[in-house]
């Protein structure tokens, strides 16, 4: 178990470096694409032709979302950068969550029945948080919503997201309900754990 945790920690460090480098590169591409879209560079130059041929087709899905909510197409590169940062952060959070699950399993089994019960509670809430992460990631790509490996996350989270949407307004094109739900789940887990601990103690 210790060897597995060490290997995953090394992998996490490598991935953080890769995501950071990717973010820097994407930021440069976003600046160049924005300059082309706003005609701050020669629209007939090699940079503009490259952006239109290679970059813009990859951003078509995000551009449609931006235009649909009333945004300017020229803002598409910046939204693409935002999507990348959010996706990278969520992926790393999921990896950290997995490492935490392994660490908790090792600790719980050493504490007997109470430890195992607490672990089951923790894993239940972790499952819902993971489902939220999957759902948020897939929401940027609507065609993924029908995939079986994504559809389960909607069934697992809709029952507590729907009531929150009735009281929490969206911020422009961003639905912050999953973020609120994520922290609400953390508070609920803390409360349940305290109640169980006091009851068993």
N, C-alpha and C. Protein backbone atom coordinates (compact mmCIF):
# COMPACT_ATOMS: atom_id res chain seq x y z
N UNK A 1 0.83 -1.20 0.00
CA UNK A 1 0.00 0.00 0.00
C UNK A 1 0.87 1.26 0.00
N UNK A 2 1.94 1.23 0.82
CA UNK A 2 2.83 2.39 0.90
C UNK A 2 3.50 2.63 -0.45
N UNK A 3 3.91 1.54 -1.12
CA UNK A 3 4.55 1.68 -2.43
C UNK A 3 3.59 2.27 -3.45
N UNK A 4 2.31 1.83 -3.40
CA UNK A 4 1.31 2.35 -4.33
C UNK A 4 1.08 3.84 -4.10
N UNK A 5 0.99 4.25 -2.83
CA UNK A 5 0.78 5.67 -2.53
C UNK A 5 1.96 6.51 -2.99
N UNK A 6 3.17 5.98 -2.82
CA UNK A 6 4.36 6.70 -3.27
C UNK A 6 4.37 6.88 -4.77
N UNK A 7 4.03 5.79 -5.50
CA UNK A 7 4.01 5.86 -6.96
C UNK A 7 2.97 6.86 -7.46
N UNK A 8 1.80 6.86 -6.83
CA UNK A 8 0.74 7.79 -7.24
C UNK A 8 1.14 9.22 -6.93
N UNK A 9 1.82 9.43 -5.80
CA UNK A 9 2.28 10.78 -5.47
C UNK A 9 3.28 11.29 -6.49
N UNK A 10 4.16 10.41 -6.96
CA UNK A 10 5.12 10.80 -8.01
C UNK A 10 4.38 11.13 -9.30
N UNK A 11 3.40 10.29 -9.65
CA UNK A 11 2.60 10.53 -10.85
C UNK A 11 1.86 11.86 -10.76
N UNK A 12 1.32 12.15 -9.58
CA UNK A 12 0.59 13.41 -9.39
C UNK A 12 1.51 14.60 -9.60
N UNK A 13 2.74 14.51 -9.11
CA UNK A 13 3.70 15.60 -9.31
C UNK A 13 4.03 15.81 -10.77
N UNK A 14 4.20 14.70 -11.51
CA UNK A 14 4.49 14.80 -12.94
C UNK A 14 3.31 15.42 -13.69
N UNK A 15 2.09 14.97 -13.36
CA UNK A 15 0.91 15.49 -14.04
C UNK A 15 0.72 16.98 -13.76
N UNK A 16 1.01 17.42 -12.54
CA UNK A 16 0.88 18.84 -12.23
C UNK A 16 1.83 19.67 -13.10
N UNK A 17 3.04 19.16 -13.30
CA UNK A 17 4.00 19.86 -14.15
C UNK A 17 3.53 19.89 -15.60
N UNK A 18 3.00 18.75 -16.07
CA UNK A 18 2.50 18.67 -17.45
C UNK A 18 1.33 19.62 -17.66
N UNK A 19 0.38 19.64 -16.71
CA UNK A 19 -0.77 20.53 -16.83
C UNK A 19 -0.34 21.99 -16.79
N UNK A 20 0.65 22.32 -15.96
CA UNK A 20 1.13 23.70 -15.90
C UNK A 20 1.75 24.11 -17.22
N UNK A 21 2.59 23.22 -17.78
CA UNK A 21 3.21 23.52 -19.07
C UNK A 21 2.14 23.66 -20.16
N UNK A 22 1.16 22.76 -20.13
CA UNK A 22 0.07 22.84 -21.10
C UNK A 22 -0.71 24.13 -20.97
N UNK A 23 -0.93 24.59 -19.75
CA UNK A 23 -1.64 25.84 -19.52
C UNK A 23 -0.88 27.04 -20.06
N UNK A 24 0.44 27.01 -19.88
CA UNK A 24 1.27 28.11 -20.40
C UNK A 24 1.21 28.15 -21.92
N UNK A 25 1.32 26.96 -22.54
CA UNK A 25 1.24 26.90 -24.00
C UNK A 25 -0.14 27.36 -24.49
N UNK A 26 -1.19 26.87 -23.83
CA UNK A 26 -2.54 27.24 -24.24
C UNK A 26 -2.79 28.74 -24.05
N UNK A 27 -2.21 29.33 -23.00
CA UNK A 27 -2.35 30.78 -22.81
C UNK A 27 -1.71 31.53 -23.97
N UNK A 28 -0.55 31.06 -24.43
CA UNK A 28 0.07 31.68 -25.59
C UNK A 28 -0.77 31.55 -26.84
N UNK A 29 -1.35 30.36 -27.04
CA UNK A 29 -2.22 30.14 -28.19
C UNK A 29 -3.46 31.02 -28.09
N UNK A 30 -4.01 31.16 -26.87
CA UNK A 30 -5.20 32.00 -26.68
C UNK A 30 -4.91 33.45 -27.04
N UNK A 31 -3.75 33.94 -26.63
CA UNK A 31 -3.38 35.32 -26.97
C UNK A 31 -3.29 35.49 -28.48
N UNK A 32 -2.62 34.54 -29.15
CA UNK A 32 -2.46 34.62 -30.61
C UNK A 32 -3.80 34.52 -31.32
N UNK A 33 -4.65 33.60 -30.87
CA UNK A 33 -5.95 33.43 -31.53
C UNK A 33 -6.84 34.65 -31.30
N UNK A 34 -6.80 35.20 -30.09
CA UNK A 34 -7.56 36.41 -29.80
C UNK A 34 -7.09 37.56 -30.69
N UNK A 35 -5.76 37.68 -30.87
CA UNK A 35 -5.22 38.75 -31.71
C UNK A 35 -5.68 38.58 -33.16
N UNK A 36 -5.76 37.33 -33.62
CA UNK A 36 -6.24 37.08 -34.99
C UNK A 36 -7.72 37.43 -35.10
N UNK A 37 -8.51 36.98 -34.13
CA UNK A 37 -9.95 37.21 -34.18
C UNK A 37 -10.30 38.70 -34.09
N UNK A 38 -9.51 39.47 -33.37
CA UNK A 38 -9.77 40.90 -33.23
C UNK A 38 -8.98 41.73 -34.23
N UNK A 39 -8.32 41.05 -35.17
CA UNK A 39 -7.57 41.70 -36.26
C UNK A 39 -6.46 42.61 -35.75
N UNK A 40 -5.85 42.20 -34.65
CA UNK A 40 -4.68 42.93 -34.17
C UNK A 40 -3.41 42.46 -34.85
N UNK A 41 -3.51 41.37 -35.60
CA UNK A 41 -2.41 40.92 -36.46
C UNK A 41 -2.96 40.80 -37.88
N UNK A 42 -2.08 40.70 -38.83
CA UNK A 42 -2.48 40.62 -40.23
C UNK A 42 -3.37 39.39 -40.46
N UNK A 43 -4.63 39.59 -40.86
CA UNK A 43 -5.54 38.44 -41.04
C UNK A 43 -5.15 37.52 -42.19
N UNK A 44 -4.19 37.95 -43.01
CA UNK A 44 -3.76 37.12 -44.13
C UNK A 44 -2.36 36.55 -43.92
N UNK A 45 -1.80 36.80 -42.74
CA UNK A 45 -0.47 36.31 -42.44
C UNK A 45 -0.45 34.82 -42.10
N UNK A 46 0.74 34.30 -41.92
CA UNK A 46 0.90 32.87 -41.64
C UNK A 46 0.30 32.48 -40.29
N UNK A 47 0.41 33.39 -39.29
CA UNK A 47 -0.14 33.09 -37.96
C UNK A 47 -1.66 32.98 -38.05
N UNK A 48 -2.27 33.94 -38.75
CA UNK A 48 -3.72 33.93 -38.89
C UNK A 48 -4.20 32.69 -39.64
N UNK A 49 -3.49 32.34 -40.70
CA UNK A 49 -3.89 31.14 -41.47
C UNK A 49 -3.76 29.89 -40.62
N UNK A 50 -2.71 29.81 -39.83
CA UNK A 50 -2.52 28.64 -38.95
C UNK A 50 -3.64 28.55 -37.92
N UNK A 51 -3.99 29.69 -37.32
CA UNK A 51 -5.04 29.70 -36.32
C UNK A 51 -6.39 29.28 -36.91
N UNK A 52 -6.69 29.79 -38.08
CA UNK A 52 -7.97 29.45 -38.70
C UNK A 52 -8.03 27.99 -39.13
N UNK A 53 -6.88 27.44 -39.53
CA UNK A 53 -6.86 26.06 -40.03
C UNK A 53 -6.74 25.04 -38.91
N UNK A 54 -5.98 25.36 -37.87
CA UNK A 54 -5.65 24.36 -36.85
C UNK A 54 -6.33 24.58 -35.50
N UNK A 55 -6.46 25.82 -35.09
CA UNK A 55 -6.95 26.10 -33.74
C UNK A 55 -8.46 26.32 -33.72
N UNK A 56 -8.95 27.19 -34.59
CA UNK A 56 -10.37 27.54 -34.57
C UNK A 56 -11.30 26.33 -34.72
N UNK A 57 -11.01 25.35 -35.58
CA UNK A 57 -11.91 24.18 -35.65
C UNK A 57 -11.99 23.42 -34.32
N UNK A 58 -10.89 23.41 -33.56
CA UNK A 58 -10.90 22.71 -32.27
C UNK A 58 -11.73 23.46 -31.23
N UNK A 59 -11.91 24.76 -31.43
CA UNK A 59 -12.66 25.57 -30.48
C UNK A 59 -14.11 25.78 -30.89
N UNK A 60 -14.54 25.11 -31.97
CA UNK A 60 -15.88 25.35 -32.51
C UNK A 60 -16.97 25.06 -31.47
N UNK A 61 -16.82 23.99 -30.70
CA UNK A 61 -17.83 23.65 -29.70
C UNK A 61 -17.94 24.71 -28.62
N UNK A 62 -16.80 25.20 -28.14
CA UNK A 62 -16.81 26.23 -27.11
C UNK A 62 -17.35 27.54 -27.69
N UNK A 63 -16.99 27.83 -28.94
CA UNK A 63 -17.48 29.05 -29.58
C UNK A 63 -19.00 29.04 -29.68
N UNK A 64 -19.58 27.89 -30.02
CA UNK A 64 -21.05 27.81 -30.09
C UNK A 64 -21.67 28.10 -28.74
N UNK A 65 -21.06 27.58 -27.66
CA UNK A 65 -21.59 27.84 -26.32
C UNK A 65 -21.49 29.32 -25.97
N UNK A 66 -20.38 29.96 -26.33
CA UNK A 66 -20.17 31.37 -26.03
C UNK A 66 -21.21 32.22 -26.77
N UNK A 67 -21.39 31.94 -28.05
CA UNK A 67 -22.34 32.70 -28.85
C UNK A 67 -23.77 32.48 -28.36
N UNK A 68 -24.07 31.24 -27.96
CA UNK A 68 -25.43 30.93 -27.52
C UNK A 68 -25.85 31.73 -26.30
N UNK A 69 -24.89 32.05 -25.42
CA UNK A 69 -25.24 32.83 -24.22
C UNK A 69 -25.01 34.32 -24.44
N UNK A 70 -24.76 34.73 -25.70
CA UNK A 70 -24.64 36.14 -26.00
C UNK A 70 -23.23 36.70 -25.96
N UNK A 71 -22.21 35.83 -25.85
CA UNK A 71 -20.83 36.29 -25.82
C UNK A 71 -20.29 36.57 -27.21
N UNK A 72 -19.14 37.21 -27.25
CA UNK A 72 -18.49 37.51 -28.52
C UNK A 72 -17.60 36.35 -28.93
N UNK A 73 -17.61 35.99 -30.23
CA UNK A 73 -16.73 34.90 -30.69
C UNK A 73 -15.26 35.15 -30.38
N UNK A 74 -14.87 36.43 -30.33
CA UNK A 74 -13.47 36.76 -30.05
C UNK A 74 -13.05 36.35 -28.64
N UNK A 75 -14.03 36.13 -27.74
CA UNK A 75 -13.71 35.71 -26.37
C UNK A 75 -13.50 34.21 -26.26
N UNK A 76 -13.74 33.47 -27.35
CA UNK A 76 -13.64 32.01 -27.32
C UNK A 76 -12.29 31.50 -26.81
N UNK A 77 -11.15 32.06 -27.26
CA UNK A 77 -9.86 31.54 -26.75
C UNK A 77 -9.73 31.65 -25.24
N UNK A 78 -10.27 32.74 -24.68
CA UNK A 78 -10.16 32.90 -23.23
C UNK A 78 -11.05 31.91 -22.49
N UNK A 79 -12.24 31.64 -23.03
CA UNK A 79 -13.10 30.63 -22.43
C UNK A 79 -12.49 29.25 -22.55
N UNK A 80 -11.79 29.00 -23.66
CA UNK A 80 -11.10 27.71 -23.82
C UNK A 80 -10.04 27.55 -22.75
N UNK A 81 -9.34 28.63 -22.44
CA UNK A 81 -8.32 28.59 -21.39
C UNK A 81 -8.97 28.33 -20.03
N UNK A 82 -10.12 28.96 -19.78
CA UNK A 82 -10.84 28.74 -18.53
C UNK A 82 -11.27 27.27 -18.41
N UNK A 83 -11.78 26.72 -19.52
CA UNK A 83 -12.19 25.31 -19.53
C UNK A 83 -11.01 24.41 -19.20
N UNK A 84 -9.87 24.71 -19.81
CA UNK A 84 -8.66 23.90 -19.56
C UNK A 84 -8.27 23.95 -18.09
N UNK A 85 -8.24 25.15 -17.52
CA UNK A 85 -7.83 25.30 -16.12
C UNK A 85 -8.78 24.54 -15.20
N UNK A 86 -10.09 24.68 -15.45
CA UNK A 86 -11.08 23.98 -14.62
C UNK A 86 -10.93 22.47 -14.77
N UNK A 87 -10.78 22.00 -16.02
CA UNK A 87 -10.65 20.56 -16.25
C UNK A 87 -9.40 20.01 -15.58
N UNK A 88 -8.28 20.74 -15.70
CA UNK A 88 -7.03 20.28 -15.07
C UNK A 88 -7.18 20.24 -13.56
N UNK A 89 -7.79 21.28 -12.99
CA UNK A 89 -7.96 21.33 -11.54
C UNK A 89 -8.86 20.19 -11.05
N UNK A 90 -9.93 19.92 -11.80
CA UNK A 90 -10.83 18.84 -11.41
C UNK A 90 -10.18 17.48 -11.54
N UNK A 91 -9.37 17.30 -12.59
CA UNK A 91 -8.68 16.02 -12.75
C UNK A 91 -7.70 15.79 -11.60
N UNK A 92 -6.94 16.82 -11.25
CA UNK A 92 -5.99 16.68 -10.15
C UNK A 92 -6.71 16.47 -8.83
N UNK A 93 -7.87 17.11 -8.68
CA UNK A 93 -8.66 16.90 -7.47
C UNK A 93 -9.14 15.46 -7.39
N UNK A 94 -9.55 14.90 -8.53
CA UNK A 94 -9.98 13.51 -8.55
C UNK A 94 -8.83 12.57 -8.21
N UNK A 95 -7.63 12.88 -8.71
CA UNK A 95 -6.47 12.06 -8.40
C UNK A 95 -6.13 12.14 -6.91
N UNK A 96 -6.18 13.35 -6.37
CA UNK A 96 -5.93 13.51 -4.93
C UNK A 96 -6.98 12.76 -4.11
N UNK A 97 -8.22 12.77 -4.62
CA UNK A 97 -9.29 12.05 -3.93
C UNK A 97 -9.00 10.55 -3.91
N UNK A 98 -8.51 10.02 -5.02
CA UNK A 98 -8.18 8.60 -5.09
C UNK A 98 -7.06 8.24 -4.12
N UNK A 99 -6.05 9.09 -4.05
CA UNK A 99 -4.95 8.87 -3.10
C UNK A 99 -5.49 8.88 -1.67
N UNK A 100 -6.41 9.82 -1.41
CA UNK A 100 -7.01 9.89 -0.08
C UNK A 100 -7.80 8.64 0.26
N UNK A 101 -8.49 8.08 -0.74
CA UNK A 101 -9.26 6.85 -0.51
C UNK A 101 -8.34 5.70 -0.11
N UNK A 102 -7.23 5.57 -0.81
CA UNK A 102 -6.29 4.50 -0.48
C UNK A 102 -5.70 4.70 0.92
N UNK A 103 -5.36 5.92 1.24
CA UNK A 103 -4.79 6.21 2.56
C UNK A 103 -5.82 5.95 3.66
N UNK A 104 -7.07 6.36 3.41
CA UNK A 104 -8.12 6.13 4.40
C UNK A 104 -8.41 4.65 4.60
N UNK A 105 -8.34 3.86 3.51
CA UNK A 105 -8.59 2.42 3.62
C UNK A 105 -7.54 1.76 4.49
N UNK A 106 -6.30 2.16 4.31
CA UNK A 106 -5.22 1.59 5.13
C UNK A 106 -5.40 1.95 6.60
N UNK A 107 -5.81 3.20 6.87
CA UNK A 107 -6.00 3.63 8.25
C UNK A 107 -7.22 2.98 8.89
N UNK A 108 -8.32 2.88 8.12
CA UNK A 108 -9.57 2.33 8.67
C UNK A 108 -9.43 0.87 9.07
N UNK A 109 -8.78 0.10 8.23
CA UNK A 109 -8.64 -1.33 8.54
C UNK A 109 -7.79 -1.57 9.78
N UNK A 110 -6.96 -0.60 10.12
CA UNK A 110 -6.14 -0.76 11.33
C UNK A 110 -6.91 -0.36 12.60
N UNK A 111 -8.13 0.24 12.43
CA UNK A 111 -8.90 0.71 13.59
C UNK A 111 -10.11 -0.17 13.90
N UNK A 112 -10.32 -1.24 13.13
CA UNK A 112 -11.41 -2.15 13.42
C UNK A 112 -12.75 -1.69 12.87
N UNK A 113 -13.86 -2.13 13.53
CA UNK A 113 -15.21 -1.89 13.04
C UNK A 113 -15.58 -0.43 12.92
N UNK A 114 -15.24 0.39 13.92
CA UNK A 114 -15.58 1.81 13.88
C UNK A 114 -14.87 2.48 12.70
N UNK A 115 -13.64 2.11 12.51
CA UNK A 115 -12.88 2.67 11.40
C UNK A 115 -13.49 2.33 10.05
N UNK A 116 -13.95 1.08 9.92
CA UNK A 116 -14.57 0.66 8.66
C UNK A 116 -15.89 1.39 8.43
N UNK A 117 -16.70 1.58 9.49
CA UNK A 117 -17.96 2.31 9.36
C UNK A 117 -17.72 3.75 8.93
N UNK A 118 -16.75 4.40 9.57
CA UNK A 118 -16.41 5.77 9.20
C UNK A 118 -15.92 5.84 7.76
N UNK A 119 -15.19 4.81 7.37
CA UNK A 119 -14.68 4.77 5.99
C UNK A 119 -15.83 4.67 4.99
N UNK A 120 -16.83 3.83 5.31
CA UNK A 120 -17.98 3.69 4.41
C UNK A 120 -18.74 5.00 4.26
N UNK A 121 -18.89 5.73 5.37
CA UNK A 121 -19.54 7.04 5.31
C UNK A 121 -18.72 7.98 4.43
N UNK A 122 -17.43 7.99 4.66
CA UNK A 122 -16.55 8.87 3.88
C UNK A 122 -16.59 8.51 2.40
N UNK A 123 -16.57 7.23 2.07
CA UNK A 123 -16.60 6.81 0.67
C UNK A 123 -17.93 7.15 0.01
N UNK A 124 -19.02 7.08 0.78
CA UNK A 124 -20.32 7.45 0.22
C UNK A 124 -20.34 8.90 -0.23
N UNK A 125 -19.90 9.78 0.65
CA UNK A 125 -19.86 11.20 0.28
C UNK A 125 -18.82 11.48 -0.80
N UNK A 126 -17.74 10.74 -0.77
CA UNK A 126 -16.72 10.90 -1.81
C UNK A 126 -17.28 10.50 -3.17
N UNK A 127 -18.11 9.46 -3.20
CA UNK A 127 -18.74 9.04 -4.45
C UNK A 127 -19.57 10.17 -5.04
N UNK A 128 -20.36 10.84 -4.20
CA UNK A 128 -21.19 11.94 -4.70
C UNK A 128 -20.34 13.11 -5.19
N UNK A 129 -19.24 13.38 -4.48
CA UNK A 129 -18.36 14.46 -4.93
C UNK A 129 -17.70 14.10 -6.26
N UNK A 130 -17.31 12.85 -6.41
CA UNK A 130 -16.71 12.41 -7.66
C UNK A 130 -17.72 12.49 -8.81
N UNK A 131 -18.96 12.10 -8.52
CA UNK A 131 -20.01 12.20 -9.53
C UNK A 131 -20.20 13.65 -9.98
N UNK A 132 -20.09 14.58 -9.05
CA UNK A 132 -20.19 16.00 -9.40
C UNK A 132 -19.05 16.40 -10.34
N UNK A 133 -17.84 15.93 -10.04
CA UNK A 133 -16.70 16.26 -10.89
C UNK A 133 -16.90 15.73 -12.30
N UNK A 134 -17.35 14.47 -12.41
CA UNK A 134 -17.60 13.88 -13.73
C UNK A 134 -18.67 14.67 -14.47
N UNK A 135 -19.70 15.04 -13.76
CA UNK A 135 -20.81 15.78 -14.39
C UNK A 135 -20.34 17.15 -14.89
N UNK A 136 -19.57 17.85 -14.07
CA UNK A 136 -19.08 19.17 -14.48
C UNK A 136 -18.19 19.06 -15.71
N UNK A 137 -17.29 18.09 -15.70
CA UNK A 137 -16.41 17.91 -16.86
C UNK A 137 -17.22 17.59 -18.12
N UNK A 138 -18.20 16.72 -18.00
CA UNK A 138 -18.98 16.32 -19.18
C UNK A 138 -19.90 17.43 -19.66
N UNK A 139 -20.24 18.38 -18.78
CA UNK A 139 -21.16 19.46 -19.18
C UNK A 139 -20.53 20.36 -20.24
N UNK A 140 -19.21 20.37 -20.32
CA UNK A 140 -18.55 21.18 -21.35
C UNK A 140 -18.61 20.51 -22.71
N UNK A 141 -18.97 19.24 -22.71
CA UNK A 141 -19.06 18.48 -23.96
C UNK A 141 -20.41 17.77 -23.99
N UNK A 142 -21.47 18.47 -24.43
CA UNK A 142 -22.83 17.92 -24.34
C UNK A 142 -23.01 16.56 -25.00
N UNK A 143 -22.19 16.26 -26.00
CA UNK A 143 -22.34 14.97 -26.67
C UNK A 143 -21.95 13.79 -25.77
N UNK A 144 -21.25 14.09 -24.67
CA UNK A 144 -20.85 13.03 -23.76
C UNK A 144 -21.96 12.63 -22.79
N UNK A 145 -22.98 13.50 -22.65
CA UNK A 145 -24.01 13.26 -21.63
C UNK A 145 -24.75 11.95 -21.84
N UNK A 146 -24.84 11.50 -23.09
CA UNK A 146 -25.58 10.26 -23.38
C UNK A 146 -24.72 9.01 -23.22
N UNK A 147 -23.42 9.19 -22.99
CA UNK A 147 -22.54 8.03 -22.86
C UNK A 147 -22.79 7.32 -21.52
N UNK A 148 -22.82 5.99 -21.53
CA UNK A 148 -23.10 5.25 -20.28
C UNK A 148 -22.10 5.55 -19.17
N UNK A 149 -20.84 5.80 -19.52
CA UNK A 149 -19.84 6.05 -18.49
C UNK A 149 -19.90 7.47 -17.94
N UNK A 150 -20.84 8.28 -18.45
CA UNK A 150 -21.07 9.63 -17.94
C UNK A 150 -22.48 9.78 -17.38
N UNK A 151 -23.45 9.08 -18.01
CA UNK A 151 -24.86 9.24 -17.65
C UNK A 151 -25.12 8.92 -16.18
N UNK A 152 -24.37 7.99 -15.59
CA UNK A 152 -24.59 7.63 -14.19
C UNK A 152 -24.40 8.83 -13.26
N UNK A 153 -23.48 9.74 -13.64
CA UNK A 153 -23.20 10.88 -12.77
C UNK A 153 -24.40 11.82 -12.68
N UNK A 154 -25.21 11.88 -13.75
CA UNK A 154 -26.41 12.72 -13.72
C UNK A 154 -27.45 12.12 -12.77
N UNK A 155 -27.64 10.80 -12.83
CA UNK A 155 -28.57 10.15 -11.93
C UNK A 155 -28.15 10.24 -10.47
N UNK A 156 -26.83 10.24 -10.24
CA UNK A 156 -26.33 10.27 -8.87
C UNK A 156 -26.36 11.67 -8.26
N UNK A 157 -26.46 12.70 -9.07
CA UNK A 157 -26.36 14.06 -8.53
C UNK A 157 -27.60 14.92 -8.73
N UNK A 158 -28.45 14.57 -9.70
CA UNK A 158 -29.58 15.43 -10.03
C UNK A 158 -30.53 15.61 -8.85
N UNK A 159 -30.67 14.58 -8.00
CA UNK A 159 -31.63 14.64 -6.90
C UNK A 159 -31.29 15.73 -5.89
N UNK A 160 -30.00 16.11 -5.75
CA UNK A 160 -29.71 17.21 -4.83
C UNK A 160 -29.29 18.49 -5.56
N UNK A 161 -29.02 18.42 -6.86
CA UNK A 161 -28.72 19.63 -7.61
C UNK A 161 -30.00 20.39 -8.00
N UNK A 162 -31.08 19.64 -8.30
CA UNK A 162 -32.32 20.29 -8.74
C UNK A 162 -32.85 21.28 -7.71
N UNK A 163 -32.96 20.91 -6.42
CA UNK A 163 -33.46 21.91 -5.44
C UNK A 163 -32.53 23.12 -5.31
N UNK A 164 -31.21 22.90 -5.44
CA UNK A 164 -30.28 24.02 -5.32
C UNK A 164 -30.44 25.01 -6.46
N UNK A 165 -30.74 24.50 -7.67
CA UNK A 165 -30.90 25.40 -8.81
C UNK A 165 -32.07 26.36 -8.61
N UNK A 166 -33.03 25.95 -7.81
CA UNK A 166 -34.19 26.81 -7.57
C UNK A 166 -33.86 28.03 -6.73
N UNK A 167 -32.74 27.98 -6.00
CA UNK A 167 -32.41 29.10 -5.10
C UNK A 167 -31.07 29.75 -5.43
N UNK A 168 -30.26 29.11 -6.27
CA UNK A 168 -28.94 29.66 -6.59
C UNK A 168 -28.92 30.09 -8.05
N UNK A 169 -28.77 31.38 -8.33
CA UNK A 169 -28.76 31.84 -9.74
C UNK A 169 -27.42 31.52 -10.41
N UNK A 170 -27.45 31.37 -11.73
CA UNK A 170 -26.24 31.14 -12.51
C UNK A 170 -25.48 32.45 -12.66
N UNK A 171 -24.16 32.35 -12.78
CA UNK A 171 -23.32 33.52 -13.02
C UNK A 171 -22.99 33.56 -14.51
N UNK A 172 -23.81 34.25 -15.28
CA UNK A 172 -23.61 34.29 -16.72
C UNK A 172 -23.82 32.92 -17.32
N UNK A 173 -22.78 32.38 -17.96
CA UNK A 173 -22.87 31.06 -18.57
C UNK A 173 -22.38 29.96 -17.64
N UNK A 174 -22.04 30.33 -16.41
CA UNK A 174 -21.49 29.35 -15.47
C UNK A 174 -22.53 29.01 -14.41
N UNK A 175 -22.84 27.72 -14.29
CA UNK A 175 -23.75 27.22 -13.25
C UNK A 175 -22.90 26.87 -12.03
N UNK A 176 -23.06 27.64 -10.95
CA UNK A 176 -22.24 27.42 -9.75
C UNK A 176 -22.87 26.42 -8.79
N UNK A 177 -24.04 25.87 -9.17
CA UNK A 177 -24.72 24.92 -8.28
C UNK A 177 -23.83 23.73 -7.90
N UNK A 178 -23.09 23.11 -8.85
CA UNK A 178 -22.23 21.98 -8.45
C UNK A 178 -21.16 22.37 -7.45
N UNK A 179 -20.66 23.61 -7.53
CA UNK A 179 -19.64 24.05 -6.58
C UNK A 179 -20.24 24.16 -5.18
N UNK A 180 -21.43 24.77 -5.11
CA UNK A 180 -22.12 24.88 -3.81
C UNK A 180 -22.42 23.48 -3.26
N UNK A 181 -22.89 22.59 -4.14
CA UNK A 181 -23.22 21.23 -3.72
C UNK A 181 -21.99 20.51 -3.21
N UNK A 182 -20.85 20.73 -3.85
CA UNK A 182 -19.61 20.07 -3.44
C UNK A 182 -19.26 20.42 -1.99
N UNK A 183 -19.31 21.72 -1.67
CA UNK A 183 -18.99 22.14 -0.31
C UNK A 183 -20.09 21.73 0.68
N UNK A 184 -21.34 21.71 0.21
CA UNK A 184 -22.43 21.25 1.08
C UNK A 184 -22.24 19.78 1.45
N UNK A 185 -21.78 18.99 0.50
CA UNK A 185 -21.51 17.57 0.79
C UNK A 185 -20.40 17.42 1.82
N UNK A 186 -19.41 18.27 1.74
CA UNK A 186 -18.33 18.21 2.73
C UNK A 186 -18.84 18.53 4.13
N UNK A 187 -19.70 19.54 4.23
CA UNK A 187 -20.28 19.90 5.54
C UNK A 187 -21.17 18.77 6.05
N UNK A 188 -21.97 18.18 5.14
CA UNK A 188 -22.86 17.09 5.54
C UNK A 188 -22.06 15.88 6.02
N UNK A 189 -20.96 15.59 5.36
CA UNK A 189 -20.12 14.47 5.80
C UNK A 189 -19.56 14.73 7.19
N UNK A 190 -19.13 15.95 7.42
CA UNK A 190 -18.59 16.28 8.74
C UNK A 190 -19.65 16.09 9.83
N UNK A 191 -20.88 16.53 9.54
CA UNK A 191 -21.95 16.40 10.52
C UNK A 191 -22.28 14.93 10.79
N UNK A 192 -22.41 14.13 9.73
CA UNK A 192 -22.73 12.70 9.90
C UNK A 192 -21.63 12.00 10.66
N UNK A 193 -20.39 12.30 10.35
CA UNK A 193 -19.26 11.67 11.03
C UNK A 193 -19.26 12.02 12.51
N UNK A 194 -19.55 13.30 12.83
CA UNK A 194 -19.57 13.71 14.23
C UNK A 194 -20.70 13.00 14.98
N UNK A 195 -21.87 12.89 14.34
CA UNK A 195 -23.00 12.23 14.97
C UNK A 195 -22.69 10.75 15.23
N UNK A 196 -22.13 10.07 14.25
CA UNK A 196 -21.78 8.65 14.41
C UNK A 196 -20.73 8.47 15.49
N UNK A 197 -19.74 9.33 15.48
CA UNK A 197 -18.64 9.21 16.45
C UNK A 197 -19.15 9.41 17.86
N UNK A 198 -20.02 10.43 18.03
CA UNK A 198 -20.56 10.67 19.38
C UNK A 198 -21.50 9.56 19.81
N UNK A 199 -22.28 8.99 18.86
CA UNK A 199 -23.20 7.92 19.18
C UNK A 199 -22.49 6.63 19.53
N UNK A 200 -21.42 6.31 18.78
CA UNK A 200 -20.68 5.06 19.05
C UNK A 200 -19.76 5.24 20.25
N UNK A 201 -19.36 6.48 20.45
CA UNK A 201 -18.46 6.70 21.60
C UNK A 201 -19.19 6.66 22.91
